Amino acid sequence: MICKKVFIIAEAGVNHNGDINLAYKLVDVAKEAGVDAIKFQTFKTEKVISKFTEMASYQKKNLSTNESQYEMVKKLELSYKEFKKLKDYCDEIKIMFLSTPDEEYSLNFLVDELNIPFIKLVLEK
């Protein structure tokens, strides 16, 4: 069997740095590049990281900060409302919006509220 078209997904992840305007720019660049979909990460920091978790030593060294892992990750979080707007924008410019949920609440949001067609799950050992 010969595949007629490869489906290409741009990995945006959290490269928006918690800035919705940068997230829109990532979508625009992905669209210009001709990819079929763009994938983000959706999570609620308080559901996956304790407020008392310290950064890993390499993070402390590279980021030169004393903030906690929670504080660092919280800065990368977009709200569900922002993800809804981002999904609407993707629909408008005809690029598929995808996201990997990091916890059950975000999975339910993506499936029940945004009706995204695919879910990439993270499998941890």
PDB file of N, CA and C in Angstrom:
ATOM      1  N   MET A   1       0.836  -1.176   0.000  1.00  0.00           N
ATOM      2  CA  MET A   1       0.000   0.000   0.000  1.00  0.00           C
ATOM      3  C   MET A   1       0.884   1.244   0.000  1.00  0.00           C
ATOM      4  N   ILE A   2       0.535   2.205  -0.799  1.00  0.00           N
ATOM      5  CA  ILE A   2       1.285   3.451  -0.890  1.00  0.00           C
ATOM      6  C   ILE A   2       0.508   4.556  -0.183  1.00  0.00           C
ATOM      7  N   CYS A   3       1.200   5.234   0.705  1.00  0.00           N
ATOM      8  CA  CYS A   3       0.589   6.353   1.416  1.00  0.00           C
ATOM      9  C   CYS A   3       0.590   7.568   0.496  1.00  0.00           C
ATOM     10  N   LYS A   4      -0.540   8.188   0.334  1.00  0.00           N
ATOM     11  CA  LYS A   4      -0.641   9.328  -0.572  1.00  0.00           C
ATOM     12  C   LYS A   4      -0.264  10.642   0.083  1.00  0.00           C
ATOM     13  N   LYS A   5      -0.443  10.744   1.397  1.00  0.00           N
ATOM     14  CA  LYS A   5      -0.117  11.991   2.076  1.00  0.00           C
ATOM     15  C   LYS A   5       0.311  11.700   3.501  1.00  0.00           C
ATOM     16  N   VAL A   6       1.388  12.310   3.885  1.00  0.00           N
ATOM     17  CA  VAL A   6       1.860  12.206   5.260  1.00  0.00           C
ATOM     18  C   VAL A   6       1.169  13.287   6.081  1.00  0.00           C
ATOM     19  N   PHE A   7       0.708  12.935   7.270  1.00  0.00           N
ATOM     20  CA  PHE A   7       0.057  13.884   8.173  1.00  0.00           C
ATOM     21  C   PHE A   7       1.128  14.441   9.097  1.00  0.00           C
ATOM     22  N   ILE A   8       1.366  15.735   9.027  1.00  0.00           N
ATOM     23  CA  ILE A   8       2.452  16.360   9.783  1.00  0.00           C
ATOM     24  C   ILE A   8       1.889  17.188  10.931  1.00  0.00           C
ATOM     25  N   ILE A   9       2.431  16.938  12.129  1.00  0.00           N
ATOM     26  CA  ILE A   9       2.018  17.651  13.338  1.00  0.00           C
ATOM     27  C   ILE A   9       3.187  18.485  13.843  1.00  0.00           C
ATOM     28  N   ALA A  10       2.971  19.783  13.988  1.00  0.00           N
ATOM     29  CA  ALA A  10       3.977  20.668  14.582  1.00  0.00           C
ATOM     30  C   ALA A  10       3.847  20.572  16.097  1.00  0.00           C
ATOM     31  N   GLU A  11       4.959  20.375  16.774  1.00  0.00           N
ATOM     32  CA  GLU A  11       4.960  20.261  18.239  1.00  0.00           C
ATOM     33  C   GLU A  11       5.222  21.623  18.859  1.00  0.00           C
ATOM     34  N   ALA A  12       4.161  22.245  19.362  1.00  0.00           N
ATOM     35  CA  ALA A  12       4.306  23.536  20.040  1.00  0.00           C
ATOM     36  C   ALA A  12       4.583  23.330  21.523  1.00  0.00           C
ATOM     37  N   GLY A  13       3.964  22.301  22.106  1.00  0.00           N
ATOM     38  CA  GLY A  13       4.173  22.022  23.523  1.00  0.00           C
ATOM     39  C   GLY A  13       3.856  23.226  24.386  1.00  0.00           C
ATOM     40  N   VAL A  14       4.835  23.658  25.174  1.00  0.00           N
ATOM     41  CA  VAL A  14       4.691  24.851  26.016  1.00  0.00           C
ATOM     42  C   VAL A  14       5.610  25.966  25.530  1.00  0.00           C
ATOM     43  N   ASN A  15       6.012  25.901  24.271  1.00  0.00           N
ATOM     44  CA  ASN A  15       6.929  26.908  23.729  1.00  0.00           C
ATOM     45  C   ASN A  15       6.309  28.292  23.591  1.00  0.00           C
ATOM     46  N   HIS A  16       5.058  28.433  23.966  1.00  0.00           N
ATOM     47  CA  HIS A  16       4.412  29.750  24.029  1.00  0.00           C
ATOM     48  C   HIS A  16       4.785  30.479  25.315  1.00  0.00           C
ATOM     49  N   ASN A  17       5.427  29.744  26.241  1.00  0.00           N
ATOM     50  CA  ASN A  17       5.880  30.324  27.515  1.00  0.00           C
ATOM     51  C   ASN A  17       4.753  30.964  28.327  1.00  0.00           C
ATOM     52  N   GLY A  18       3.539  30.454  28.169  1.00  0.00           N
ATOM     53  CA  GLY A  18       2.402  30.988  28.914  1.00  0.00           C
ATOM     54  C   GLY A  18       1.819  32.259  28.328  1.00  0.00           C
ATOM     55  N   ASP A  19       2.230  32.615  27.122  1.00  0.00           N
ATOM     56  CA  ASP A  19       1.794  33.854  26.458  1.00  0.00           C
ATOM     57  C   ASP A  19       0.884  33.494  25.286  1.00  0.00           C
ATOM     58  N   ILE A  20      -0.392  33.810  25.397  1.00  0.00           N
ATOM     59  CA  ILE A  20      -1.354  33.461  24.352  1.00  0.00           C
ATOM     60  C   ILE A  20      -0.992  34.083  23.012  1.00  0.00           C
ATOM     61  N   ASN A  21      -0.433  35.281  23.016  1.00  0.00           N
ATOM     62  CA  ASN A  21      -0.055  35.916  21.750  1.00  0.00           C
ATOM     63  C   ASN A  21       1.065  35.155  21.060  1.00  0.00           C
ATOM     64  N   LEU A  22       1.998  34.636  21.835  1.00  0.00           N
ATOM     65  CA  LEU A  22       3.052  33.807  21.263  1.00  0.00           C
ATOM     66  C   LEU A  22       2.463  32.491  20.753  1.00  0.00           C
ATOM     67  N   ALA A  23       1.464  31.963  21.440  1.00  0.00           N
ATOM     68  CA  ALA A  23       0.794  30.742  20.981  1.00  0.00           C
ATOM     69  C   ALA A  23       0.148  30.968  19.614  1.00  0.00           C
ATOM     70  N   TYR A  24      -0.500  32.122  19.439  1.00  0.00           N
ATOM     71  CA  TYR A  24      -1.080  32.450  18.127  1.00  0.00           C
ATOM     72  C   TYR A  24       0.006  32.515  17.056  1.00  0.00           C
ATOM     73  N   LYS A  25       1.150  33.092  17.391  1.00  0.00           N
ATOM     74  CA  LYS A  25       2.256  33.179  16.428  1.00  0.00           C
ATOM     75  C   LYS A  25       2.762  31.792  16.049  1.00  0.00           C
ATOM     76  N   LEU A  26       2.826  30.889  17.029  1.00  0.00           N
ATOM     77  CA  LEU A  26       3.239  29.518  16.733  1.00  0.00           C
ATOM     78  C   LEU A  26       2.258  28.855  15.768  1.00  0.00           C
ATOM     79  N   VAL A  27       0.975  29.104  15.959  1.00  0.00           N
ATOM     80  CA  VAL A  27      -0.041  28.569  15.046  1.00  0.00           C
ATOM     81  C   VAL A  27       0.169  29.140  13.650  1.00  0.00           C
ATOM     82  N   ASP A  28       0.396  30.439  13.559  1.00  0.00           N
ATOM     83  CA  ASP A  28       0.605  31.079  12.253  1.00  0.00           C
ATOM     84  C   ASP A  28       1.819  30.509  11.534  1.00  0.00           C
ATOM     85  N   VAL A  29       2.912  30.326  12.265  1.00  0.00           N
ATOM     86  CA  VAL A  29       4.136  29.783  11.665  1.00  0.00           C
ATOM     87  C   VAL A  29       3.907  28.344  11.208  1.00  0.00           C
ATOM     88  N   ALA A  30       3.193  27.565  12.005  1.00  0.00           N
ATOM     89  CA  ALA A  30       2.887  26.185  11.621  1.00  0.00           C
ATOM     90  C   ALA A  30       2.030  26.153  10.359  1.00  0.00           C
ATOM     91  N   LYS A  31       1.052  27.042  10.296  1.00  0.00           N
ATOM     92  CA  LYS A  31       0.192  27.122   9.110  1.00  0.00           C
ATOM     93  C   LYS A  31       1.014  27.491   7.881  1.00  0.00           C
ATOM     94  N   GLU A  32       1.881  28.494   8.023  1.00  0.00           N
ATOM     95  CA  GLU A  32       2.743  28.915   6.909  1.00  0.00           C
ATOM     96  C   GLU A  32       3.663  27.786   6.456  1.00  0.00           C
ATOM     97  N   ALA A  33       4.080  26.940   7.389  1.00  0.00           N
ATOM     98  CA  ALA A  33       4.971  25.823   7.061  1.00  0.00           C
ATOM     99  C   ALA A  33       4.229  24.691   6.353  1.00  0.00           C
ATOM    100  N   GLY A  34       2.898  24.745   6.362  1.00  0.00           N
ATOM    101  CA  GLY A  34       2.111  23.753   5.645  1.00  0.00           C
ATOM    102  C   GLY A  34       1.812  22.474   6.417  1.00  0.00           C
ATOM    103  N   VAL A  35       1.946  22.516   7.740  1.00  0.00           N
ATOM    104  CA  VAL A  35       1.643  21.314   8.520  1.00  0.00           C
ATOM    105  C   VAL A  35       0.133  21.120   8.624  1.00  0.00           C
ATOM    106  N   ASP A  36      -0.257  19.926   8.994  1.00  0.00           N
ATOM    107  CA  ASP A  36      -1.679  19.601   9.101  1.00  0.00           C
ATOM    108  C   ASP A  36      -2.272  19.953  10.462  1.00  0.00           C
ATOM    109  N   ALA A  37      -1.431  19.905  11.493  1.00  0.00           N
ATOM    110  CA  ALA A  37      -1.921  20.129  12.855  1.00  0.00           C
ATOM    111  C   ALA A  37      -0.816  20.741  13.705  1.00  0.00           C
ATOM    112  N   ILE A  38      -1.232  21.348  14.804  1.00  0.00           N
ATOM    113  CA  ILE A  38      -0.287  21.849  15.797  1.00  0.00           C
ATOM    114  C   ILE A  38      -0.723  21.311  17.148  1.00  0.00           C
ATOM    115  N   LYS A  39       0.269  20.823  17.930  1.00  0.00           N
ATOM    116  CA  LYS A  39      -0.048  20.184  19.206  1.00  0.00           C
ATOM    117  C   LYS A  39       0.584  20.942  20.367  1.00  0.00           C
ATOM    118  N   PHE A  40      -0.258  21.237  21.345  1.00  0.00           N
ATOM    119  CA  PHE A  40       0.165  21.917  22.562  1.00  0.00           C
ATOM    120  C   PHE A  40       0.122  20.933  23.730  1.00  0.00           C
ATOM    121  N   GLN A  41       0.397  21.408  24.931  1.00  0.00           N
ATOM    122  CA  GLN A  41       0.223  20.646  26.166  1.00  0.00           C
ATOM    123  C   GLN A  41      -0.789  21.387  27.026  1.00  0.00           C
ATOM    124  N   THR A  42      -1.767  20.657  27.531  1.00  0.00           N
ATOM    125  CA  THR A  42      -2.792  21.255  28.379  1.00  0.00           C
ATOM    126  C   THR A  42      -2.696  20.638  29.765  1.00  0.00           C
ATOM    127  N   PHE A  43      -2.615  21.499  30.768  1.00  0.00           N
ATOM    128  CA  PHE A  43      -2.492  21.018  32.143  1.00  0.00           C
ATOM    129  C   PHE A  43      -2.869  22.108  33.125  1.00  0.00           C
ATOM    130  N   LYS A  44      -3.197  21.670  34.308  1.00  0.00           N
ATOM    131  CA  LYS A  44      -3.377  22.543  35.462  1.00  0.00           C
ATOM    132  C   LYS A  44      -2.230  22.199  36.400  1.00  0.00           C
ATOM    133  N   THR A  45      -1.337  23.138  36.596  1.00  0.00           N
ATOM    134  CA  THR A  45      -0.114  22.895  37.358  1.00  0.00           C
ATOM    135  C   THR A  45      -0.390  22.263  38.712  1.00  0.00           C
ATOM    136  N   GLU A  46      -1.405  22.765  39.404  1.00  0.00           N
ATOM    137  CA  GLU A  46      -1.693  22.257  40.750  1.00  0.00           C
ATOM    138  C   GLU A  46      -2.140  20.802  40.752  1.00  0.00           C
ATOM    139  N   LYS A  47      -2.518  20.271  39.594  1.00  0.00           N
ATOM    140  CA  LYS A  47      -2.946  18.874  39.504  1.00  0.00           C
ATOM    141  C   LYS A  47      -1.776  17.923  39.250  1.00  0.00           C
ATOM    142  N   VAL A  48      -0.610  18.469  38.855  1.00  0.00           N
ATOM    143  CA  VAL A  48       0.513  17.596  38.501  1.00  0.00           C
ATOM    144  C   VAL A  48       1.787  17.844  39.305  1.00  0.00           C
ATOM    145  N   ILE A  49       1.891  19.004  39.969  1.00  0.00           N
ATOM    146  CA  ILE A  49       3.122  19.336  40.688  1.00  0.00           C
ATOM    147  C   ILE A  49       2.778  19.931  42.049  1.00  0.00           C
ATOM    148  N   SER A  50       3.464  19.469  43.056  1.00  0.00           N
ATOM    149  CA  SER A  50       3.298  20.027  44.398  1.00  0.00           C
ATOM    150  C   SER A  50       3.942  21.410  44.463  1.00  0.00           C
ATOM    151  N   LYS A  51       3.356  22.288  45.238  1.00  0.00           N
ATOM    152  CA  LYS A  51       3.926  23.627  45.417  1.00  0.00           C
ATOM    153  C   LYS A  51       5.278  23.574  46.121  1.00  0.00           C
ATOM    154  N   PHE A  52       5.607  22.442  46.697  1.00  0.00           N
ATOM    155  CA  PHE A  52       6.855  22.305  47.449  1.00  0.00           C
ATOM    156  C   PHE A  52       7.957  21.591  46.665  1.00  0.00           C
ATOM    157  N   THR A  53       7.674  21.216  45.423  1.00  0.00           N
ATOM    158  CA  THR A  53       8.668  20.522  44.615  1.00  0.00           C
ATOM    159  C   THR A  53       9.738  21.498  44.147  1.00  0.00           C
ATOM    160  N   GLU A  54      10.981  21.155  44.420  1.00  0.00           N
ATOM    161  CA  GLU A  54      12.092  22.005  43.988  1.00  0.00           C
ATOM    162  C   GLU A  54      12.418  21.721  42.531  1.00  0.00           C
ATOM    163  N   MET A  55      13.048  22.698  41.892  1.00  0.00           N
ATOM    164  CA  MET A  55      13.548  22.487  40.540  1.00  0.00           C
ATOM    165  C   MET A  55      14.678  21.464  40.582  1.00  0.00           C
ATOM    166  N   ALA A  56      14.869  20.792  39.470  1.00  0.00           N
ATOM    167  CA  ALA A  56      16.021  19.904  39.336  1.00  0.00           C
ATOM    168  C   ALA A  56      17.282  20.766  39.323  1.00  0.00           C
ATOM    169  N   SER A  57      18.397  20.190  39.704  1.00  0.00           N
ATOM    170  CA  SER A  57      19.640  20.970  39.795  1.00  0.00           C
ATOM    171  C   SER A  57      20.028  21.597  38.460  1.00  0.00           C
ATOM    172  N   TYR A  58      19.824  20.872  37.337  1.00  0.00           N
ATOM    173  CA  TYR A  58      20.168  21.445  36.037  1.00  0.00           C
ATOM    174  C   TYR A  58      19.281  22.648  35.714  1.00  0.00           C
ATOM    175  N   GLN A  59      18.024  22.622  36.171  1.00  0.00           N
ATOM    176  CA  GLN A  59      17.132  23.756  35.939  1.00  0.00           C
ATOM    177  C   GLN A  59      17.582  24.967  36.744  1.00  0.00           C
ATOM    178  N   LYS A  60      17.941  24.740  37.999  1.00  0.00           N
ATOM    179  CA  LYS A  60      18.432  25.841  38.831  1.00  0.00           C
ATOM    180  C   LYS A  60      19.670  26.471  38.204  1.00  0.00           C
ATOM    181  N   LYS A  61      20.554  25.622  37.714  1.00  0.00           N
ATOM    182  CA  LYS A  61      21.801  26.103  37.105  1.00  0.00           C
ATOM    183  C   LYS A  61      21.516  26.879  35.816  1.00  0.00           C
ATOM    184  N   ASN A  62      20.702  26.310  34.940  1.00  0.00           N
ATOM    185  CA  ASN A  62      20.429  26.926  33.634  1.00  0.00           C
ATOM    186  C   ASN A  62      19.541  28.159  33.719  1.00  0.00           C
ATOM    187  N   LEU A  63      18.647  28.187  34.692  1.00  0.00           N
ATOM    188  CA  LEU A  63      17.702  29.300  34.793  1.00  0.00           C
ATOM    189  C   LEU A  63      18.114  30.346  35.820  1.00  0.00           C
ATOM    190  N   SER A  64      19.109  30.041  36.608  1.00  0.00           N
ATOM    191  CA  SER A  64      19.613  30.975  37.635  1.00  0.00           C
ATOM    192  C   SER A  64      18.482  31.582  38.469  1.00  0.00           C
ATOM    193  N   THR A  65      17.677  30.726  39.039  1.00  0.00           N
ATOM    194  CA  THR A  65      16.555  31.189  39.853  1.00  0.00           C
ATOM    195  C   THR A  65      16.359  30.261  41.044  1.00  0.00           C
ATOM    196  N   ASN A  66      15.706  30.746  42.045  1.00  0.00           N
ATOM    197  CA  ASN A  66      15.408  29.932  43.222  1.00  0.00           C
ATOM    198  C   ASN A  66      13.931  29.576  43.311  1.00  0.00           C
ATOM    199  N   GLU A  67      13.174  29.822  42.240  1.00  0.00           N
ATOM    200  CA  GLU A  67      11.753  29.503  42.291  1.00  0.00           C
ATOM    201  C   GLU A  67      11.555  27.988  42.307  1.00  0.00           C
ATOM    202  N   SER A  68      10.392  27.568  42.709  1.00  0.00           N
ATOM    203  CA  SER A  68      10.078  26.138  42.768  1.00  0.00           C
ATOM    204  C   SER A  68       9.711  25.610  41.381  1.00  0.00           C
ATOM    205  N   GLN A  69       9.677  24.297  41.275  1.00  0.00           N
ATOM    206  CA  GLN A  69       9.238  23.643  40.035  1.00  0.00           C
ATOM    207  C   GLN A  69       7.811  24.097  39.709  1.00  0.00           C
ATOM    208  N   TYR A  70       6.976  24.165  40.733  1.00  0.00           N
ATOM    209  CA  TYR A  70       5.588  24.600  40.566  1.00  0.00           C
ATOM    210  C   TYR A  70       5.535  26.003  39.962  1.00  0.00           C
ATOM    211  N   GLU A  71       6.302  26.939  40.517  1.00  0.00           N
ATOM    212  CA  GLU A  71       6.293  28.321  40.022  1.00  0.00           C
ATOM    213  C   GLU A  71       6.768  28.396  38.577  1.00  0.00           C
ATOM    214  N   MET A  72       7.797  27.613  38.251  1.00  0.00           N
ATOM    215  CA  MET A  72       8.321  27.613  36.892  1.00  0.00           C
ATOM    216  C   MET A  72       7.272  27.092  35.903  1.00  0.00           C
ATOM    217  N   VAL A  73       6.656  25.963  36.237  1.00  0.00           N
ATOM    218  CA  VAL A  73       5.684  25.350  35.332  1.00  0.00           C
ATOM    219  C   VAL A  73       4.412  26.185  35.243  1.00  0.00           C
ATOM    220  N   LYS A  74       3.999  26.794  36.343  1.00  0.00           N
ATOM    221  CA  LYS A  74       2.786  27.619  36.358  1.00  0.00           C
ATOM    222  C   LYS A  74       2.879  28.738  35.322  1.00  0.00           C
ATOM    223  N   LYS A  75       4.089  29.263  35.112  1.00  0.00           N
ATOM    224  CA  LYS A  75       4.294  30.333  34.125  1.00  0.00           C
ATOM    225  C   LYS A  75       4.049  29.850  32.691  1.00  0.00           C
ATOM    226  N   LEU A  76       4.104  28.546  32.478  1.00  0.00           N
ATOM    227  CA  LEU A  76       3.934  27.975  31.139  1.00  0.00           C
ATOM    228  C   LEU A  76       2.487  27.586  30.843  1.00  0.00           C
ATOM    229  N   GLU A  77       1.624  27.745  31.820  1.00  0.00           N
ATOM    230  CA  GLU A  77       0.234  27.300  31.715  1.00  0.00           C
ATOM    231  C   GLU A  77      -0.632  28.327  30.989  1.00  0.00           C
ATOM    232  N   LEU A  78      -1.461  27.829  30.071  1.00  0.00           N
ATOM    233  CA  LEU A  78      -2.525  28.646  29.478  1.00  0.00           C
ATOM    234  C   LEU A  78      -3.838  28.218  30.127  1.00  0.00           C
ATOM    235  N   SER A  79      -4.762  29.137  30.257  1.00  0.00           N
ATOM    236  CA  SER A  79      -6.064  28.804  30.843  1.00  0.00           C
ATOM    237  C   SER A  79      -6.909  28.030  29.832  1.00  0.00           C
ATOM    238  N   TYR A  80      -7.930  27.351  30.326  1.00  0.00           N
ATOM    239  CA  TYR A  80      -8.850  26.656  29.433  1.00  0.00           C
ATOM    240  C   TYR A  80      -9.522  27.652  28.491  1.00  0.00           C
ATOM    241  N   LYS A  81      -9.835  28.829  28.990  1.00  0.00           N
ATOM    242  CA  LYS A  81     -10.450  29.865  28.156  1.00  0.00           C
ATOM    243  C   LYS A  81      -9.512  30.249  27.007  1.00  0.00           C
ATOM    244  N   GLU A  82      -8.222  30.362  27.304  1.00  0.00           N
ATOM    245  CA  GLU A  82      -7.251  30.689  26.251  1.00  0.00           C
ATOM    246  C   GLU A  82      -7.133  29.546  25.248  1.00  0.00           C
ATOM    247  N   PHE A  83      -7.158  28.306  25.728  1.00  0.00           N
ATOM    248  CA  PHE A  83      -7.109  27.168  24.805  1.00  0.00           C
ATOM    249  C   PHE A  83      -8.338  27.128  23.909  1.00  0.00           C
ATOM    250  N   LYS A  84      -9.491  27.507  24.443  1.00  0.00           N
ATOM    251  CA  LYS A  84     -10.715  27.559  23.621  1.00  0.00           C
ATOM    252  C   LYS A  84     -10.546  28.577  22.499  1.00  0.00           C
ATOM    253  N   LYS A  85     -10.010  29.747  22.829  1.00  0.00           N
ATOM    254  CA  LYS A  85      -9.773  30.777  21.813  1.00  0.00           C
ATOM    255  C   LYS A  85      -8.747  30.307  20.789  1.00  0.00           C
ATOM    256  N   LEU A  86      -7.724  29.622  21.255  1.00  0.00           N
ATOM    257  CA  LEU A  86      -6.687  29.112  20.364  1.00  0.00           C
ATOM    258  C   LEU A  86      -7.254  28.058  19.419  1.00  0.00           C
ATOM    259  N   LYS A  87      -8.092  27.177  19.950  1.00  0.00           N
ATOM    260  CA  LYS A  87      -8.735  26.160  19.111  1.00  0.00           C
ATOM    261  C   LYS A  87      -9.640  26.818  18.077  1.00  0.00           C
ATOM    262  N   ASP A  88     -10.409  27.829  18.485  1.00  0.00           N
ATOM    263  CA  ASP A  88     -11.272  28.550  17.545  1.00  0.00           C
ATOM    264  C   ASP A  88     -10.445  29.197  16.440  1.00  0.00           C
ATOM    265  N   TYR A  89      -9.303  29.751  16.801  1.00  0.00           N
ATOM    266  CA  TYR A  89      -8.421  30.371  15.806  1.00  0.00           C
ATOM    267  C   TYR A  89      -7.885  29.315  14.836  1.00  0.00           C
ATOM    268  N   CYS A  90      -7.490  28.175  15.363  1.00  0.00           N
ATOM    269  CA  CYS A  90      -7.013  27.089  14.502  1.00  0.00           C
ATOM    270  C   CYS A  90      -8.104  26.660  13.522  1.00  0.00           C
ATOM    271  N   ASP A  91      -9.323  26.528  14.010  1.00  0.00           N
ATOM    272  CA  ASP A  91     -10.443  26.167  13.137  1.00  0.00           C
ATOM    273  C   ASP A  91     -10.635  27.215  12.048  1.00  0.00           C
ATOM    274  N   GLU A  92     -10.521  28.470  12.432  1.00  0.00           N
ATOM    275  CA  GLU A  92     -10.718  29.583  11.499  1.00  0.00           C
ATOM    276  C   GLU A  92      -9.698  29.567  10.357  1.00  0.00           C
ATOM    277  N   ILE A  93      -8.437  29.272  10.685  1.00  0.00           N
ATOM    278  CA  ILE A  93      -7.408  29.295   9.632  1.00  0.00           C
ATOM    279  C   ILE A  93      -7.134  27.904   9.057  1.00  0.00           C
ATOM    280  N   LYS A  94      -7.929  26.935   9.483  1.00  0.00           N
ATOM    281  CA  LYS A  94      -7.900  25.582   8.933  1.00  0.00           C
ATOM    282  C   LYS A  94      -6.590  24.835   9.192  1.00  0.00           C
ATOM    283  N   ILE A  95      -6.233  24.784  10.468  1.00  0.00           N
ATOM    284  CA  ILE A  95      -5.154  23.913  10.927  1.00  0.00           C
ATOM    285  C   ILE A  95      -5.708  23.171  12.143  1.00  0.00           C
ATOM    286  N   MET A  96      -5.471  21.871  12.214  1.00  0.00           N
ATOM    287  CA  MET A  96      -6.036  21.084  13.299  1.00  0.00           C
ATOM    288  C   MET A  96      -5.340  21.400  14.623  1.00  0.00           C
ATOM    289  N   PHE A  97      -6.135  21.648  15.655  1.00  0.00           N
ATOM    290  CA  PHE A  97      -5.633  21.877  17.006  1.00  0.00           C
ATOM    291  C   PHE A  97      -5.597  20.546  17.741  1.00  0.00           C
ATOM    292  N   LEU A  98      -4.441  20.225  18.307  1.00  0.00           N
ATOM    293  CA  LEU A  98      -4.292  19.040  19.137  1.00  0.00           C
ATOM    294  C   LEU A  98      -3.605  19.437  20.435  1.00  0.00           C
ATOM    295  N   SER A  99      -3.768  18.619  21.447  1.00  0.00           N
ATOM    296  CA  SER A  99      -3.072  18.885  22.698  1.00  0.00           C
ATOM    297  C   SER A  99      -2.931  17.601  23.496  1.00  0.00           C
ATOM    298  N   THR A 100      -1.836  17.507  24.229  1.00  0.00           N
ATOM    299  CA  THR A 100      -1.602  16.395  25.135  1.00  0.00           C
ATOM    300  C   THR A 100      -2.021  16.826  26.536  1.00  0.00           C
ATOM    301  N   PRO A 101      -2.989  16.141  27.125  1.00  0.00           N
ATOM    302  CA  PRO A 101      -3.374  16.473  28.501  1.00  0.00           C
ATOM    303  C   PRO A 101      -2.409  15.810  29.479  1.00  0.00           C
ATOM    304  N   ASP A 102      -2.064  16.519  30.530  1.00  0.00           N
ATOM    305  CA  ASP A 102      -1.157  15.963  31.531  1.00  0.00           C
ATOM    306  C   ASP A 102      -1.881  15.447  32.764  1.00  0.00           C
ATOM    307  N   GLU A 103      -3.187  15.604  32.789  1.00  0.00           N
ATOM    308  CA  GLU A 103      -3.976  15.091  33.907  1.00  0.00           C
ATOM    309  C   GLU A 103      -5.433  14.966  33.473  1.00  0.00           C
ATOM    310  N   GLU A 104      -6.219  14.306  34.295  1.00  0.00           N
ATOM    311  CA  GLU A 104      -7.595  13.946  33.941  1.00  0.00           C
ATOM    312  C   GLU A 104      -8.493  15.145  33.655  1.00  0.00           C
ATOM    313  N   TYR A 105      -8.360  16.226  34.412  1.00  0.00           N
ATOM    314  CA  TYR A 105      -9.218  17.394  34.207  1.00  0.00           C
ATOM    315  C   TYR A 105      -9.004  17.983  32.812  1.00  0.00           C
ATOM    316  N   SER A 106      -7.755  18.041  32.402  1.00  0.00           N
ATOM    317  CA  SER A 106      -7.461  18.582  31.074  1.00  0.00           C
ATOM    318  C   SER A 106      -7.899  17.625  29.975  1.00  0.00           C
ATOM    319  N   LEU A 107      -7.790  16.326  30.219  1.00  0.00           N
ATOM    320  CA  LEU A 107      -8.299  15.346  29.259  1.00  0.00           C
ATOM    321  C   LEU A 107      -9.792  15.558  29.049  1.00  0.00           C
ATOM    322  N   ASN A 108     -10.532  15.692  30.134  1.00  0.00           N
ATOM    323  CA  ASN A 108     -11.976  15.913  30.025  1.00  0.00           C
ATOM    324  C   ASN A 108     -12.289  17.212  29.297  1.00  0.00           C
ATOM    325  N   PHE A 109     -11.537  18.258  29.574  1.00  0.00           N
ATOM    326  CA  PHE A 109     -11.736  19.537  28.893  1.00  0.00           C
ATOM    327  C   PHE A 109     -11.521  19.388  27.388  1.00  0.00           C
ATOM    328  N   LEU A 110     -10.428  18.751  27.005  1.00  0.00           N
ATOM    329  CA  LEU A 110     -10.112  18.606  25.581  1.00  0.00           C
ATOM    330  C   LEU A 110     -11.160  17.776  24.848  1.00  0.00           C
ATOM    331  N   VAL A 111     -11.611  16.710  25.479  1.00  0.00           N
ATOM    332  CA  VAL A 111     -12.590  15.820  24.846  1.00  0.00           C
ATOM    333  C   VAL A 111     -13.996  16.409  24.894  1.00  0.00           C
ATOM    334  N   ASP A 112     -14.422  16.853  26.066  1.00  0.00           N
ATOM    335  CA  ASP A 112     -15.807  17.290  26.253  1.00  0.00           C
ATOM    336  C   ASP A 112     -16.081  18.711  25.778  1.00  0.00           C
ATOM    337  N   GLU A 113     -15.126  19.598  25.956  1.00  0.00           N
ATOM    338  CA  GLU A 113     -15.341  21.007  25.609  1.00  0.00           C
ATOM    339  C   GLU A 113     -14.809  21.372  24.220  1.00  0.00           C
ATOM    340  N   LEU A 114     -13.620  20.878  23.895  1.00  0.00           N
ATOM    341  CA  LEU A 114     -13.018  21.261  22.609  1.00  0.00           C
ATOM    342  C   LEU A 114     -13.248  20.234  21.510  1.00  0.00           C
ATOM    343  N   ASN A 115     -13.687  19.044  21.887  1.00  0.00           N
ATOM    344  CA  ASN A 115     -13.962  17.992  20.901  1.00  0.00           C
ATOM    345  C   ASN A 115     -12.793  17.742  19.958  1.00  0.00           C
ATOM    346  N   ILE A 116     -11.582  17.689  20.508  1.00  0.00           N
ATOM    347  CA  ILE A 116     -10.452  17.461  19.616  1.00  0.00           C
ATOM    348  C   ILE A 116     -10.472  16.012  19.129  1.00  0.00           C
ATOM    349  N   PRO A 117     -10.028  15.782  17.874  1.00  0.00           N
ATOM    350  CA  PRO A 117     -10.194  14.475  17.246  1.00  0.00           C
ATOM    351  C   PRO A 117      -9.205  13.398  17.690  1.00  0.00           C
ATOM    352  N   PHE A 118      -8.043  13.795  18.214  1.00  0.00           N
ATOM    353  CA  PHE A 118      -7.023  12.840  18.640  1.00  0.00           C
ATOM    354  C   PHE A 118      -6.467  13.277  19.986  1.00  0.00           C
ATOM    355  N   ILE A 119      -6.087  12.321  20.781  1.00  0.00           N
ATOM    356  CA  ILE A 119      -5.424  12.597  22.056  1.00  0.00           C
ATOM    357  C   ILE A 119      -4.122  11.811  22.069  1.00  0.00           C
ATOM    358  N   LYS A 120      -3.023  12.499  22.331  1.00  0.00           N
ATOM    359  CA  LYS A 120      -1.744  11.822  22.542  1.00  0.00           C
ATOM    360  C   LYS A 120      -1.555  11.729  24.046  1.00  0.00           C
ATOM    361  N   LEU A 121      -1.465  10.510  24.531  1.00  0.00           N
ATOM    362  CA  LEU A 121      -1.273  10.308  25.958  1.00  0.00           C
ATOM    363  C   LEU A 121       0.200  10.099  26.259  1.00  0.00           C
ATOM    364  N   VAL A 122       0.621  10.586  27.405  1.00  0.00           N
ATOM    365  CA  VAL A 122       1.987  10.384  27.861  1.00  0.00           C
ATOM    366  C   VAL A 122       2.007   9.106  28.674  1.00  0.00           C
ATOM    367  N   LEU A 123       2.869   8.191  28.298  1.00  0.00           N
ATOM    368  CA  LEU A 123       2.996   6.938  29.030  1.00  0.00           C
ATOM    369  C   LEU A 123       4.258   7.000  29.870  1.00  0.00           C
ATOM    370  N   GLU A 124       4.094   6.873  31.162  1.00  0.00           N
ATOM    371  CA  GLU A 124       5.240   6.906  32.066  1.00  0.00           C
ATOM    372  C   GLU A 124       5.420   5.545  32.697  1.00  0.00           C
ATOM    373  N   LYS A 125       6.683   5.193  32.921  1.00  0.00           N
ATOM    374  CA  LYS A 125       6.993   3.894  33.532  1.00  0.00           C
ATOM    375  C   LYS A 125       6.952   3.990  35.030  1.00  0.00           C
TER     376      LYS A 125
END
